[in-house]
Amino acid sequence: MQNEYLHFLKRPFTIPKVKPKISFVRKFNNGDEVKHIMVALPGRGVRSKTMKMIADAHSFENTLTVVPVPKNLVWYPSPISPFHQESAVWGIPFAVELVSDLILDLVKEYNLSTSDVTVIGYSAGGVTALHTLSMTQMPLNGVICYAG
Protein backbone atom coordinates (compact mmCIF):
# COMPACT_ATOMS: atom_id res chain seq x y z
CA MET A 1 0.00 0.00 0.00
CA GLN A 2 2.86 2.44 0.70
CA ASN A 3 3.78 2.52 -3.02
CA GLU A 4 0.82 4.84 -3.59
CA TYR A 5 2.71 7.44 -1.57
CA LEU A 6 6.28 6.83 -2.63
CA HIS A 7 6.04 8.63 -5.96
CA PHE A 8 5.36 11.88 -4.04
CA LEU A 9 8.59 11.67 -2.09
CA LYS A 10 11.58 13.66 -3.29
CA ARG A 11 14.20 12.81 -0.63
CA PRO A 12 15.36 9.67 1.08
CA PHE A 13 13.47 9.04 4.29
CA THR A 14 13.51 6.74 7.28
CA ILE A 15 10.95 3.96 7.18
CA PRO A 16 9.25 3.46 10.55
CA LYS A 17 10.66 0.37 12.26
CA VAL A 18 7.48 -0.53 14.12
CA LYS A 19 3.99 -0.71 12.69
CA PRO A 20 1.28 0.79 14.89
CA LYS A 21 -0.63 -1.53 17.21
CA ILE A 22 -3.66 -1.00 19.39
CA SER A 23 -2.79 -1.19 23.11
CA PHE A 24 -6.38 -1.46 24.27
CA VAL A 25 -9.94 -0.65 23.23
CA ARG A 26 -12.47 1.00 25.52
CA LYS A 27 -16.14 0.40 24.76
CA PHE A 28 -19.06 2.50 26.04
CA ASN A 29 -22.68 1.63 25.22
CA ASN A 30 -25.53 4.17 25.61
CA GLY A 31 -28.47 1.84 25.01
CA ASP A 32 -29.74 -1.71 25.13
CA GLU A 33 -29.32 -2.72 21.49
CA VAL A 34 -26.33 -1.56 19.45
CA LYS A 35 -27.58 0.09 16.25
CA HIS A 36 -24.63 2.39 15.55
CA ILE A 37 -20.92 2.33 16.23
CA MET A 38 -18.80 5.43 16.81
CA VAL A 39 -15.07 4.76 16.47
CA ALA A 40 -13.25 7.63 18.20
CA LEU A 41 -9.55 7.94 17.33
CA PRO A 42 -7.53 9.97 19.82
CA GLY A 43 -4.60 12.14 18.85
CA ARG A 44 -1.17 11.95 20.42
CA GLY A 45 -1.50 12.26 24.18
CA VAL A 46 -5.32 12.53 24.18
CA ARG A 47 -7.03 10.38 26.81
CA SER A 48 -9.73 7.88 25.88
CA LYS A 49 -12.20 9.59 28.26
CA THR A 50 -11.71 12.86 26.37
CA MET A 51 -12.44 11.12 23.05
CA LYS A 52 -15.54 9.54 24.54
CA MET A 53 -16.83 13.00 25.56
CA ILE A 54 -16.19 14.33 22.04
CA ALA A 55 -17.88 11.30 20.48
CA ASP A 56 -20.91 11.60 22.78
CA ALA A 57 -21.65 15.00 21.28
CA HIS A 58 -22.18 13.29 17.91
CA SER A 59 -23.62 9.90 18.84
CA PHE A 60 -27.10 8.54 18.27
CA GLU A 61 -29.26 6.61 20.71
CA ASN A 62 -28.10 2.99 21.01
CA THR A 63 -24.57 3.87 19.93
CA LEU A 64 -21.55 1.86 20.93
CA THR A 65 -18.58 4.21 21.29
CA VAL A 66 -15.26 2.47 20.73
CA VAL A 67 -12.00 4.23 21.56
CA PRO A 68 -8.95 2.31 20.31
CA VAL A 69 -5.78 3.55 21.95
CA PRO A 70 -2.65 3.05 19.85
CA LYS A 71 0.50 1.71 21.43
CA ASN A 72 2.66 4.61 22.66
CA LEU A 73 -0.30 6.86 21.72
CA VAL A 74 0.94 7.04 18.12
CA TRP A 75 -1.01 6.17 14.95
CA TYR A 76 1.93 7.06 12.69
CA PRO A 77 5.38 8.61 13.25
CA SER A 78 5.48 12.30 14.13
CA PRO A 79 6.72 14.58 11.35
CA ILE A 80 10.23 15.89 11.98
CA SER A 81 9.37 19.32 10.56
CA PRO A 82 7.08 20.86 7.93
CA PHE A 83 9.78 19.99 5.39
CA HIS A 84 10.44 16.39 6.51
CA GLN A 85 7.18 14.47 6.74
CA GLU A 86 8.08 11.40 4.73
CA SER A 87 8.07 8.87 7.59
CA ALA A 88 4.71 10.19 8.80
CA VAL A 89 3.23 9.86 5.31
CA TRP A 90 4.73 6.40 4.92
CA GLY A 91 3.20 5.27 8.23
CA ILE A 92 -0.39 6.36 7.52
CA PRO A 93 -1.36 3.27 5.45
CA PHE A 94 -0.46 1.03 8.40
CA ALA A 95 -2.72 3.07 10.70
CA VAL A 96 -5.52 2.89 8.12
CA GLU A 97 -5.17 -0.88 7.93
CA LEU A 98 -5.36 -1.12 11.72
CA VAL A 99 -8.50 1.04 11.94
CA SER A 100 -10.27 -0.62 9.01
CA ASP A 101 -9.60 -4.08 10.48
CA LEU A 102 -11.08 -2.89 13.79
CA ILE A 103 -14.19 -1.56 12.00
CA LEU A 104 -14.68 -4.85 10.15
CA ASP A 105 -14.31 -6.81 13.39
CA LEU A 106 -16.87 -4.58 15.13
CA VAL A 107 -19.51 -4.79 12.40
CA LYS A 108 -19.12 -8.56 12.34
CA GLU A 109 -19.37 -8.81 16.15
CA TYR A 110 -22.52 -6.64 16.32
CA ASN A 111 -24.09 -7.83 13.03
CA LEU A 112 -24.10 -4.35 11.49
CA SER A 113 -22.79 -2.89 8.25
CA THR A 114 -19.99 -0.38 7.78
CA SER A 115 -22.65 2.21 6.91
CA ASP A 116 -23.68 2.03 10.60
CA VAL A 117 -20.19 3.21 11.64
CA THR A 118 -19.06 6.80 12.13
CA VAL A 119 -15.36 7.50 12.63
CA ILE A 120 -14.36 10.58 14.59
CA GLY A 121 -10.78 11.66 15.18
CA TYR A 122 -8.81 14.38 16.86
CA SER A 123 -5.43 15.59 15.54
CA ALA A 124 -3.45 12.52 14.35
CA GLY A 125 -6.64 10.50 14.95
CA GLY A 126 -8.47 12.89 12.62
CA VAL A 127 -5.84 12.44 9.93
CA THR A 128 -6.18 8.67 10.34
CA ALA A 129 -9.99 8.91 10.15
CA LEU A 130 -9.88 10.91 6.90
CA HIS A 131 -7.36 8.55 5.35
CA THR A 132 -9.44 5.54 6.41
CA LEU A 133 -12.33 6.92 4.40
CA SER A 134 -10.28 7.89 1.36
CA MET A 135 -7.96 4.88 1.19
CA THR A 136 -10.45 2.08 1.87
CA GLN A 137 -13.55 3.44 0.12
CA MET A 138 -15.46 1.85 3.01
CA PRO A 139 -19.10 3.03 2.97
CA LEU A 140 -19.19 4.69 6.39
CA ASN A 141 -22.01 6.67 7.97
CA GLY A 142 -19.61 9.58 8.27
CA VAL A 143 -16.20 10.87 9.27
CA ILE A 144 -15.65 13.78 11.65
CA CYS A 145 -12.20 15.32 11.93
CA TYR A 146 -11.08 17.77 14.59
CA ALA A 147 -7.75 19.56 14.16
CA GLY A 148 -6.42 16.96 11.74
C-alpha atoms as a PDB file:
ATOM      1  CA  MET A   1       0.000   0.000   0.000  1.00  0.00           C
ATOM      2  CA  GLN A   2       2.864   2.438   0.695  1.00  0.00           C
ATOM      3  CA  ASN A   3       3.778   2.523  -3.022  1.00  0.00           C
ATOM      4  CA  GLU A   4       0.817   4.837  -3.594  1.00  0.00           C
ATOM      5  CA  TYR A   5       2.712   7.435  -1.570  1.00  0.00           C
ATOM      6  CA  LEU A   6       6.283   6.833  -2.634  1.00  0.00           C
ATOM      7  CA  HIS A   7       6.044   8.634  -5.959  1.00  0.00           C
ATOM      8  CA  PHE A   8       5.358  11.884  -4.042  1.00  0.00           C
ATOM      9  CA  LEU A   9       8.591  11.668  -2.087  1.00  0.00           C
ATOM     10  CA  LYS A  10      11.585  13.662  -3.289  1.00  0.00           C
ATOM     11  CA  ARG A  11      14.196  12.807  -0.625  1.00  0.00           C
ATOM     12  CA  PRO A  12      15.361   9.666   1.084  1.00  0.00           C
ATOM     13  CA  PHE A  13      13.470   9.037   4.294  1.00  0.00           C
ATOM     14  CA  THR A  14      13.507   6.743   7.277  1.00  0.00           C
ATOM     15  CA  ILE A  15      10.950   3.957   7.182  1.00  0.00           C
ATOM     16  CA  PRO A  16       9.252   3.459  10.552  1.00  0.00           C
ATOM     17  CA  LYS A  17      10.663   0.370  12.264  1.00  0.00           C
ATOM     18  CA  VAL A  18       7.475  -0.526  14.121  1.00  0.00           C
ATOM     19  CA  LYS A  19       3.989  -0.708  12.687  1.00  0.00           C
ATOM     20  CA  PRO A  20       1.276   0.786  14.893  1.00  0.00           C
ATOM     21  CA  LYS A  21      -0.634  -1.528  17.213  1.00  0.00           C
ATOM     22  CA  ILE A  22      -3.658  -1.000  19.395  1.00  0.00           C
ATOM     23  CA  SER A  23      -2.793  -1.191  23.108  1.00  0.00           C
ATOM     24  CA  PHE A  24      -6.377  -1.465  24.270  1.00  0.00           C
ATOM     25  CA  VAL A  25      -9.936  -0.654  23.231  1.00  0.00           C
ATOM     26  CA  ARG A  26     -12.467   0.999  25.523  1.00  0.00           C
ATOM     27  CA  LYS A  27     -16.140   0.403  24.759  1.00  0.00           C
ATOM     28  CA  PHE A  28     -19.060   2.500  26.036  1.00  0.00           C
ATOM     29  CA  ASN A  29     -22.685   1.629  25.217  1.00  0.00           C
ATOM     30  CA  ASN A  30     -25.526   4.166  25.611  1.00  0.00           C
ATOM     31  CA  GLY A  31     -28.470   1.842  25.009  1.00  0.00           C
ATOM     32  CA  ASP A  32     -29.744  -1.709  25.127  1.00  0.00           C
ATOM     33  CA  GLU A  33     -29.322  -2.717  21.494  1.00  0.00           C
ATOM     34  CA  VAL A  34     -26.329  -1.556  19.455  1.00  0.00           C
ATOM     35  CA  LYS A  35     -27.576   0.089  16.251  1.00  0.00           C
ATOM     36  CA  HIS A  36     -24.633   2.391  15.549  1.00  0.00           C
ATOM     37  CA  ILE A  37     -20.918   2.332  16.229  1.00  0.00           C
ATOM     38  CA  MET A  38     -18.797   5.429  16.807  1.00  0.00           C
ATOM     39  CA  VAL A  39     -15.073   4.755  16.467  1.00  0.00           C
ATOM     40  CA  ALA A  40     -13.253   7.626  18.197  1.00  0.00           C
ATOM     41  CA  LEU A  41      -9.555   7.942  17.328  1.00  0.00           C
ATOM     42  CA  PRO A  42      -7.525   9.971  19.822  1.00  0.00           C
ATOM     43  CA  GLY A  43      -4.595  12.141  18.846  1.00  0.00           C
ATOM     44  CA  ARG A  44      -1.175  11.950  20.424  1.00  0.00           C
ATOM     45  CA  GLY A  45      -1.503  12.257  24.181  1.00  0.00           C
ATOM     46  CA  VAL A  46      -5.321  12.531  24.180  1.00  0.00           C
ATOM     47  CA  ARG A  47      -7.025  10.383  26.808  1.00  0.00           C
ATOM     48  CA  SER A  48      -9.730   7.878  25.883  1.00  0.00           C
ATOM     49  CA  LYS A  49     -12.202   9.594  28.263  1.00  0.00           C
ATOM     50  CA  THR A  50     -11.714  12.862  26.369  1.00  0.00           C
ATOM     51  CA  MET A  51     -12.435  11.117  23.049  1.00  0.00           C
ATOM     52  CA  LYS A  52     -15.543   9.541  24.544  1.00  0.00           C
ATOM     53  CA  MET A  53     -16.833  12.998  25.556  1.00  0.00           C
ATOM     54  CA  ILE A  54     -16.188  14.330  22.042  1.00  0.00           C
ATOM     55  CA  ALA A  55     -17.876  11.301  20.481  1.00  0.00           C
ATOM     56  CA  ASP A  56     -20.907  11.603  22.785  1.00  0.00           C
ATOM     57  CA  ALA A  57     -21.651  15.004  21.278  1.00  0.00           C
ATOM     58  CA  HIS A  58     -22.177  13.289  17.908  1.00  0.00           C
ATOM     59  CA  SER A  59     -23.621   9.900  18.836  1.00  0.00           C
ATOM     60  CA  PHE A  60     -27.098   8.542  18.273  1.00  0.00           C
ATOM     61  CA  GLU A  61     -29.256   6.613  20.705  1.00  0.00           C
ATOM     62  CA  ASN A  62     -28.099   2.989  21.007  1.00  0.00           C
ATOM     63  CA  THR A  63     -24.571   3.875  19.929  1.00  0.00           C
ATOM     64  CA  LEU A  64     -21.549   1.860  20.929  1.00  0.00           C
ATOM     65  CA  THR A  65     -18.576   4.212  21.285  1.00  0.00           C
ATOM     66  CA  VAL A  66     -15.259   2.472  20.727  1.00  0.00           C
ATOM     67  CA  VAL A  67     -11.995   4.226  21.564  1.00  0.00           C
ATOM     68  CA  PRO A  68      -8.949   2.312  20.308  1.00  0.00           C
ATOM     69  CA  VAL A  69      -5.778   3.546  21.954  1.00  0.00           C
ATOM     70  CA  PRO A  70      -2.652   3.050  19.845  1.00  0.00           C
ATOM     71  CA  LYS A  71       0.498   1.707  21.426  1.00  0.00           C
ATOM     72  CA  ASN A  72       2.661   4.606  22.659  1.00  0.00           C
ATOM     73  CA  LEU A  73      -0.300   6.862  21.722  1.00  0.00           C
ATOM     74  CA  VAL A  74       0.937   7.044  18.118  1.00  0.00           C
ATOM     75  CA  TRP A  75      -1.013   6.173  14.951  1.00  0.00           C
ATOM     76  CA  TYR A  76       1.927   7.059  12.690  1.00  0.00           C
ATOM     77  CA  PRO A  77       5.377   8.613  13.254  1.00  0.00           C
ATOM     78  CA  SER A  78       5.482  12.303  14.133  1.00  0.00           C
ATOM     79  CA  PRO A  79       6.723  14.575  11.353  1.00  0.00           C
ATOM     80  CA  ILE A  80      10.227  15.894  11.983  1.00  0.00           C
ATOM     81  CA  SER A  81       9.371  19.324  10.558  1.00  0.00           C
ATOM     82  CA  PRO A  82       7.078  20.864   7.931  1.00  0.00           C
ATOM     83  CA  PHE A  83       9.778  19.989   5.388  1.00  0.00           C
ATOM     84  CA  HIS A  84      10.440  16.391   6.507  1.00  0.00           C
ATOM     85  CA  GLN A  85       7.179  14.468   6.737  1.00  0.00           C
ATOM     86  CA  GLU A  86       8.079  11.398   4.727  1.00  0.00           C
ATOM     87  CA  SER A  87       8.073   8.873   7.587  1.00  0.00           C
ATOM     88  CA  ALA A  88       4.706  10.188   8.799  1.00  0.00           C
ATOM     89  CA  VAL A  89       3.227   9.857   5.305  1.00  0.00           C
ATOM     90  CA  TRP A  90       4.731   6.397   4.922  1.00  0.00           C
ATOM     91  CA  GLY A  91       3.197   5.273   8.226  1.00  0.00           C
ATOM     92  CA  ILE A  92      -0.387   6.357   7.518  1.00  0.00           C
ATOM     93  CA  PRO A  93      -1.359   3.271   5.446  1.00  0.00           C
ATOM     94  CA  PHE A  94      -0.459   1.033   8.401  1.00  0.00           C
ATOM     95  CA  ALA A  95      -2.716   3.065  10.704  1.00  0.00           C
ATOM     96  CA  VAL A  96      -5.517   2.887   8.118  1.00  0.00           C
ATOM     97  CA  GLU A  97      -5.166  -0.882   7.934  1.00  0.00           C
ATOM     98  CA  LEU A  98      -5.356  -1.120  11.719  1.00  0.00           C
ATOM     99  CA  VAL A  99      -8.504   1.036  11.939  1.00  0.00           C
ATOM    100  CA  SER A 100     -10.267  -0.616   9.005  1.00  0.00           C
ATOM    101  CA  ASP A 101      -9.598  -4.078  10.475  1.00  0.00           C
ATOM    102  CA  LEU A 102     -11.079  -2.888  13.786  1.00  0.00           C
ATOM    103  CA  ILE A 103     -14.188  -1.561  12.004  1.00  0.00           C
ATOM    104  CA  LEU A 104     -14.685  -4.848  10.146  1.00  0.00           C
ATOM    105  CA  ASP A 105     -14.307  -6.814  13.394  1.00  0.00           C
ATOM    106  CA  LEU A 106     -16.872  -4.585  15.132  1.00  0.00           C
ATOM    107  CA  VAL A 107     -19.513  -4.791  12.397  1.00  0.00           C
ATOM    108  CA  LYS A 108     -19.122  -8.561  12.343  1.00  0.00           C
ATOM    109  CA  GLU A 109     -19.370  -8.808  16.146  1.00  0.00           C
ATOM    110  CA  TYR A 110     -22.524  -6.637  16.320  1.00  0.00           C
ATOM    111  CA  ASN A 111     -24.087  -7.834  13.034  1.00  0.00           C
ATOM    112  CA  LEU A 112     -24.104  -4.346  11.490  1.00  0.00           C
ATOM    113  CA  SER A 113     -22.787  -2.893   8.249  1.00  0.00           C
ATOM    114  CA  THR A 114     -19.990  -0.378   7.785  1.00  0.00           C
ATOM    115  CA  SER A 115     -22.651   2.206   6.911  1.00  0.00           C
ATOM    116  CA  ASP A 116     -23.676   2.029  10.596  1.00  0.00           C
ATOM    117  CA  VAL A 117     -20.192   3.209  11.640  1.00  0.00           C
ATOM    118  CA  THR A 118     -19.063   6.801  12.134  1.00  0.00           C
ATOM    119  CA  VAL A 119     -15.362   7.504  12.627  1.00  0.00           C
ATOM    120  CA  ILE A 120     -14.355  10.577  14.586  1.00  0.00           C
ATOM    121  CA  GLY A 121     -10.781  11.659  15.179  1.00  0.00           C
ATOM    122  CA  TYR A 122      -8.805  14.377  16.864  1.00  0.00           C
ATOM    123  CA  SER A 123      -5.426  15.590  15.538  1.00  0.00           C
ATOM    124  CA  ALA A 124      -3.453  12.517  14.350  1.00  0.00           C
ATOM    125  CA  GLY A 125      -6.637  10.503  14.951  1.00  0.00           C
ATOM    126  CA  GLY A 126      -8.472  12.894  12.623  1.00  0.00           C
ATOM    127  CA  VAL A 127      -5.840  12.435   9.930  1.00  0.00           C
ATOM    128  CA  THR A 128      -6.176   8.670  10.345  1.00  0.00           C
ATOM    129  CA  ALA A 129      -9.989   8.914  10.152  1.00  0.00           C
ATOM    130  CA  LEU A 130      -9.883  10.906   6.903  1.00  0.00           C
ATOM    131  CA  HIS A 131      -7.362   8.545   5.351  1.00  0.00           C
ATOM    132  CA  THR A 132      -9.441   5.536   6.415  1.00  0.00           C
ATOM    133  CA  LEU A 133     -12.335   6.920   4.404  1.00  0.00           C
ATOM    134  CA  SER A 134     -10.285   7.893   1.358  1.00  0.00           C
ATOM    135  CA  MET A 135      -7.961   4.879   1.185  1.00  0.00           C
ATOM    136  CA  THR A 136     -10.447   2.082   1.866  1.00  0.00           C
ATOM    137  CA  GLN A 137     -13.550   3.444   0.119  1.00  0.00           C
ATOM    138  CA  MET A 138     -15.464   1.846   3.008  1.00  0.00           C
ATOM    139  CA  PRO A 139     -19.104   3.028   2.971  1.00  0.00           C
ATOM    140  CA  LEU A 140     -19.189   4.690   6.392  1.00  0.00           C
ATOM    141  CA  ASN A 141     -22.014   6.668   7.970  1.00  0.00           C
ATOM    142  CA  GLY A 142     -19.610   9.578   8.266  1.00  0.00           C
ATOM    143  CA  VAL A 143     -16.202  10.873   9.275  1.00  0.00           C
ATOM    144  CA  ILE A 144     -15.653  13.780  11.649  1.00  0.00           C
ATOM    145  CA  CYS A 145     -12.205  15.321  11.930  1.00  0.00           C
ATOM    146  CA  TYR A 146     -11.076  17.770  14.586  1.00  0.00           C
ATOM    147  CA  ALA A 147      -7.751  19.561  14.155  1.00  0.00           C
ATOM    148  CA  GLY A 148      -6.415  16.958  11.737  1.00  0.00           C
END
